[in-house]
Amino acid sequence: MNAKRLIPTVVKLKFKILKRYITDLEFISKNRFAKKRPLENISGFSITTEQEIKKGAFLENKIHNLQVASKAINEICVLPNELFSFWKIVGNPSERNGFKKGRNIVNQKISEEVGGGLCQLSGIIYHTALKANLKILERHNHSVDIYSEEERFTPLGADATVVYGYKDLRIVNNNPFPIQFKIEIKGSHIVCALNSPQEIEEHKITFNIVDKGKKIEVITFIDTKKVAISFYNKLRSR
């Protein structure tokens, strides 16, 4: 029997959080994590991305979770060389912190988890960061492509799955001026704006999809520069 399976999930999570904290000590000591600066309101220039929030199970809960997380993100101002960390900002997506149950992918299967649906938020932030050619320090794609082309709300390869304690989205502001991600829920759409006091060039993002049989390979380009390779298993049944 695998001994790891005998360890309670809550113990595993605490261990992962402690391990992450230890590896983050250098960033913490240099005060590099972006902080809440609610009085800041950067304006002037924007790069925006808009996506539809598709109808499905837990739709109302998903929108609720997106709104809770977006409120925290909208108070963040990322100074030059600071690190935007999704989970440092949003925190534990628990019921105690106001989150509700939604759809998630766990162990390559669709399941129901508290905080479900937040991956659309992390994904739209990642896609917008690519357009601005920000430095992506950490990003994870989903293990499975769960959508048909009719259901897809963003290109395959533009996703960024986040799992509290395990997988984060981390972006460095490599500009000599501050930036802000501003999220707005407009009915059945979510809009991410990257605001800045000086203009940031908006780059062309392309996703080259290659069918590998049981897997799908997606190569991400910023203009003509290859910046990421993602692999997805195909969902056997929808």
Protein backbone atom coordinates (compact mmCIF):
# COMPACT_ATOMS: atom_id res chain seq x y z
CA MET A 1 0.00 0.00 0.00
CA ASN A 2 1.18 3.52 -0.82
CA ALA A 3 2.00 5.16 2.52
CA LYS A 4 1.16 8.63 1.14
CA ARG A 5 -2.50 7.61 0.81
CA LEU A 6 -2.67 7.11 4.58
CA ILE A 7 -1.73 10.74 5.26
CA PRO A 8 -4.83 12.93 5.82
CA THR A 9 -5.44 15.55 3.13
CA VAL A 10 -5.31 18.39 5.65
CA VAL A 11 -1.86 17.24 6.81
CA LYS A 12 -0.61 17.07 3.21
CA LEU A 13 -1.87 20.60 2.60
CA LYS A 14 -0.18 21.99 5.70
CA PHE A 15 3.08 20.35 4.65
CA LYS A 16 2.82 21.84 1.14
CA ILE A 17 2.08 25.31 2.54
CA LEU A 18 5.08 25.07 4.89
CA LYS A 19 7.32 23.89 2.05
CA ARG A 20 6.13 26.77 -0.12
CA TYR A 21 6.74 29.25 2.72
CA ILE A 22 10.32 28.04 3.12
CA THR A 23 11.04 28.39 -0.60
CA ASP A 24 9.43 31.87 -0.53
CA LEU A 25 11.63 33.20 2.27
CA GLU A 26 13.94 34.93 -0.21
CA PHE A 27 10.99 36.82 -1.76
CA ILE A 28 9.61 37.62 1.69
CA SER A 29 12.95 38.91 3.00
CA LYS A 30 13.29 41.20 -0.01
CA ASN A 31 9.66 42.36 0.35
CA ARG A 32 8.92 41.35 -3.24
CA PHE A 33 5.33 40.11 -2.96
CA ALA A 34 2.73 42.59 -4.22
CA LYS A 35 0.51 43.92 -1.45
CA LYS A 36 -2.94 45.38 -1.04
CA ARG A 37 -2.86 49.05 -1.88
CA PRO A 38 -6.60 49.85 -2.02
CA LEU A 39 -6.08 53.58 -2.30
CA GLU A 40 -4.02 53.19 -5.48
CA ASN A 41 -5.95 53.46 -8.72
CA ILE A 42 -3.69 53.28 -11.74
CA SER A 43 -5.05 54.61 -15.02
CA GLY A 44 -3.84 55.79 -18.37
CA PHE A 45 -3.41 52.67 -20.48
CA SER A 46 -5.01 49.20 -20.50
CA ILE A 47 -4.61 45.81 -22.10
CA THR A 48 -7.87 43.88 -21.77
CA THR A 49 -9.15 40.34 -22.20
CA GLU A 50 -12.82 39.37 -22.14
CA GLN A 51 -14.31 35.89 -21.79
CA GLU A 52 -17.78 34.45 -21.57
CA ILE A 53 -18.75 32.67 -18.36
CA LYS A 54 -20.44 29.63 -19.83
CA LYS A 55 -23.68 28.29 -18.37
CA GLY A 56 -23.47 25.02 -16.49
CA ALA A 57 -23.72 23.38 -13.09
CA PHE A 58 -22.85 25.70 -10.18
CA LEU A 59 -22.98 28.79 -12.42
CA GLU A 60 -24.21 31.09 -9.64
CA ASN A 61 -21.61 29.70 -7.25
CA LYS A 62 -18.87 30.16 -9.82
CA ILE A 63 -19.79 33.79 -10.38
CA HIS A 64 -19.87 34.29 -6.61
CA ASN A 65 -16.38 32.78 -6.26
CA LEU A 66 -15.07 34.92 -9.10
CA GLN A 67 -16.46 38.05 -7.44
CA VAL A 68 -14.93 37.22 -4.04
CA ALA A 69 -11.48 36.55 -5.51
CA SER A 70 -11.68 39.53 -7.88
CA LYS A 71 -12.37 41.90 -5.00
CA ALA A 72 -9.06 40.93 -3.40
CA ILE A 73 -7.12 41.15 -6.68
CA ASN A 74 -8.54 44.59 -7.52
CA GLU A 75 -6.91 46.03 -4.39
CA ILE A 76 -3.42 44.94 -5.47
CA CYS A 77 -0.88 47.30 -7.02
CA VAL A 78 2.20 45.52 -8.37
CA LEU A 79 5.30 47.70 -8.18
CA PRO A 80 8.33 47.18 -10.46
CA ASN A 81 10.00 43.79 -9.82
CA GLU A 82 7.24 42.77 -7.43
CA LEU A 83 5.65 39.34 -7.64
CA PHE A 84 1.92 38.84 -8.21
CA SER A 85 0.96 35.56 -6.51
CA PHE A 86 -2.64 34.42 -7.02
CA TRP A 87 -2.88 32.54 -3.72
CA LYS A 88 -0.97 35.12 -1.68
CA ILE A 89 -3.68 37.56 -2.71
CA VAL A 90 -6.83 35.40 -2.76
CA GLY A 91 -5.99 33.19 0.21
CA ASN A 92 -7.49 29.83 1.10
CA PRO A 93 -10.69 29.36 -1.00
CA SER A 94 -12.66 27.91 1.92
CA GLU A 95 -16.25 28.31 3.08
CA ARG A 96 -14.94 30.24 6.07
CA ASN A 97 -13.44 32.76 3.64
CA GLY A 98 -16.71 33.13 1.74
CA PHE A 99 -16.28 30.69 -1.14
CA LYS A 100 -18.88 28.21 -2.38
CA LYS A 101 -18.78 24.80 -4.06
CA GLY A 102 -18.10 24.72 -7.79
CA ARG A 103 -16.67 22.56 -10.57
CA ASN A 104 -13.01 21.58 -10.49
CA ILE A 105 -10.69 19.06 -12.11
CA VAL A 106 -9.11 16.71 -9.56
CA ASN A 107 -6.91 13.78 -10.60
CA GLN A 108 -7.96 14.28 -14.24
CA LYS A 109 -11.66 13.99 -13.32
CA ILE A 110 -14.37 16.63 -13.07
CA SER A 111 -15.43 17.01 -9.43
CA GLU A 112 -17.11 19.42 -7.01
CA GLU A 113 -14.91 21.45 -4.67
CA VAL A 114 -15.29 24.59 -2.56
CA GLY A 115 -13.75 27.43 -4.54
CA GLY A 116 -14.44 25.76 -7.88
CA GLY A 117 -14.37 27.93 -10.97
CA LEU A 118 -11.45 30.15 -9.95
CA CYS A 119 -9.30 28.75 -12.74
CA GLN A 120 -11.15 30.97 -15.21
CA LEU A 121 -9.95 33.95 -13.20
CA SER A 122 -6.32 32.79 -13.02
CA GLY A 123 -6.50 31.86 -16.71
CA ILE A 124 -7.71 35.25 -17.91
CA ILE A 125 -5.02 36.96 -15.82
CA TYR A 126 -2.38 34.67 -17.37
CA HIS A 127 -3.63 35.35 -20.90
CA THR A 128 -3.58 39.11 -20.27
CA ALA A 129 -0.07 38.88 -18.81
CA LEU A 130 1.08 37.10 -21.97
CA LYS A 131 -0.27 39.96 -24.09
CA ALA A 132 1.78 42.39 -22.00
CA ASN A 133 4.87 40.15 -22.13
CA LEU A 134 5.11 40.09 -18.34
CA LYS A 135 7.51 37.58 -16.79
CA ILE A 136 5.65 34.36 -15.91
CA LEU A 137 7.40 32.81 -12.93
CA GLU A 138 4.92 29.98 -12.32
CA ARG A 139 1.99 28.67 -14.34
CA HIS A 140 0.40 25.24 -14.65
CA ASN A 141 -1.95 24.05 -17.38
CA HIS A 142 -4.85 21.71 -16.67
CA SER A 143 -4.12 18.01 -16.99
CA VAL A 144 -7.19 17.37 -19.17
CA ASP A 145 -8.90 19.25 -21.99
CA ILE A 146 -12.52 19.08 -20.82
CA TYR A 147 -14.09 21.30 -23.49
CA SER A 148 -15.40 20.82 -27.00
CA GLU A 149 -14.76 23.69 -29.41
CA GLU A 150 -18.38 24.85 -28.93
CA GLU A 151 -17.92 25.00 -25.14
CA ARG A 152 -14.49 26.63 -25.15
CA PHE A 153 -14.36 30.19 -23.77
CA THR A 154 -10.61 30.72 -24.23
CA PRO A 155 -7.99 29.18 -26.51
CA LEU A 156 -6.50 25.87 -25.41
CA GLY A 157 -3.15 26.77 -23.89
CA ALA A 158 -4.41 30.02 -22.37
CA ASP A 159 -5.42 28.34 -19.10
CA ALA A 160 -3.67 28.51 -15.74
CA THR A 161 -4.95 26.07 -13.16
CA VAL A 162 -4.48 26.96 -9.50
CA VAL A 163 -4.67 24.59 -6.54
CA TYR A 164 -4.29 26.11 -3.09
CA GLY A 165 -1.00 25.05 -1.51
CA TYR A 166 0.07 23.13 -4.61
CA LYS A 167 -0.15 25.18 -7.82
CA ASP A 168 0.04 28.95 -8.05
CA LEU A 169 0.04 31.60 -10.77
CA ARG A 170 2.99 33.94 -10.27
CA ILE A 171 3.78 36.92 -12.46
CA VAL A 172 6.63 39.44 -12.13
CA ASN A 173 6.12 43.08 -13.09
CA ASN A 174 9.12 43.54 -15.39
CA ASN A 175 8.16 47.16 -16.17
CA PRO A 176 9.77 50.25 -14.58
CA PHE A 177 6.34 51.42 -13.39
CA PRO A 178 3.46 49.93 -11.34
CA ILE A 179 0.66 47.86 -12.84
CA GLN A 180 -2.76 46.65 -11.71
CA PHE A 181 -5.01 43.80 -12.73
CA LYS A 182 -8.63 44.97 -12.55
CA ILE A 183 -11.34 42.33 -12.85
CA GLU A 184 -14.97 43.07 -13.63
CA ILE A 185 -17.91 40.67 -13.92
CA LYS A 186 -20.37 41.97 -16.51
CA GLY A 187 -23.39 39.69 -16.59
CA SER A 188 -22.21 36.49 -18.28
CA HIS A 189 -18.77 37.87 -19.09
CA ILE A 190 -15.55 38.42 -17.17
CA VAL A 191 -13.16 41.21 -18.16
CA CYS A 192 -9.53 41.49 -17.08
CA ALA A 193 -7.79 44.83 -17.61
CA LEU A 194 -4.08 45.32 -17.03
CA ASN A 195 -3.80 49.00 -16.18
CA SER A 196 -0.58 51.01 -16.30
CA PRO A 197 0.47 54.69 -16.16
CA GLN A 198 2.64 54.21 -19.25
CA GLU A 199 1.78 52.31 -22.40
CA ILE A 200 2.69 48.61 -22.57
CA GLU A 201 2.97 47.11 -26.04
CA GLU A 202 0.25 44.55 -26.66
CA HIS A 203 1.76 41.46 -28.25
CA LYS A 204 0.16 38.86 -30.50
CA ILE A 205 -0.41 35.55 -28.72
CA THR A 206 -0.83 32.36 -30.73
CA PHE A 207 -1.40 28.76 -29.65
CA ASN A 208 -0.12 26.04 -31.97
CA ILE A 209 -2.11 22.85 -31.33
CA VAL A 210 -0.66 19.43 -32.21
CA ASP A 211 -2.69 16.23 -31.82
CA LYS A 212 -0.42 13.59 -30.27
CA GLY A 213 -2.99 10.81 -30.15
CA LYS A 214 -3.89 10.38 -26.49
CA LYS A 215 -2.51 13.82 -25.67
CA ILE A 216 -2.70 17.30 -27.11
CA GLU A 217 0.39 19.50 -27.28
CA VAL A 218 -0.02 23.27 -27.31
CA ILE A 219 2.92 25.57 -28.02
CA THR A 220 2.42 29.18 -26.95
CA PHE A 221 4.07 32.03 -28.84
CA ILE A 222 4.41 35.71 -27.98
CA ASP A 223 4.77 37.14 -31.48
CA THR A 224 7.29 34.61 -32.87
CA LYS A 225 8.93 33.65 -29.56
CA LYS A 226 8.07 30.27 -28.05
CA VAL A 227 7.28 30.82 -24.36
CA ALA A 228 5.41 27.72 -23.14
CA ILE A 229 4.53 24.13 -24.01
CA SER A 230 1.41 22.54 -22.48
CA PHE A 231 0.25 18.94 -22.63
CA TYR A 232 -3.37 17.83 -22.10
CA ASN A 233 -4.93 14.41 -21.85
CA LYS A 234 -8.11 13.98 -23.84
CA LEU A 235 -11.30 13.61 -21.84
CA ARG A 236 -12.74 10.18 -22.64
CA SER A 237 -16.34 11.09 -21.93
CA ARG A 238 -18.06 14.43 -21.40
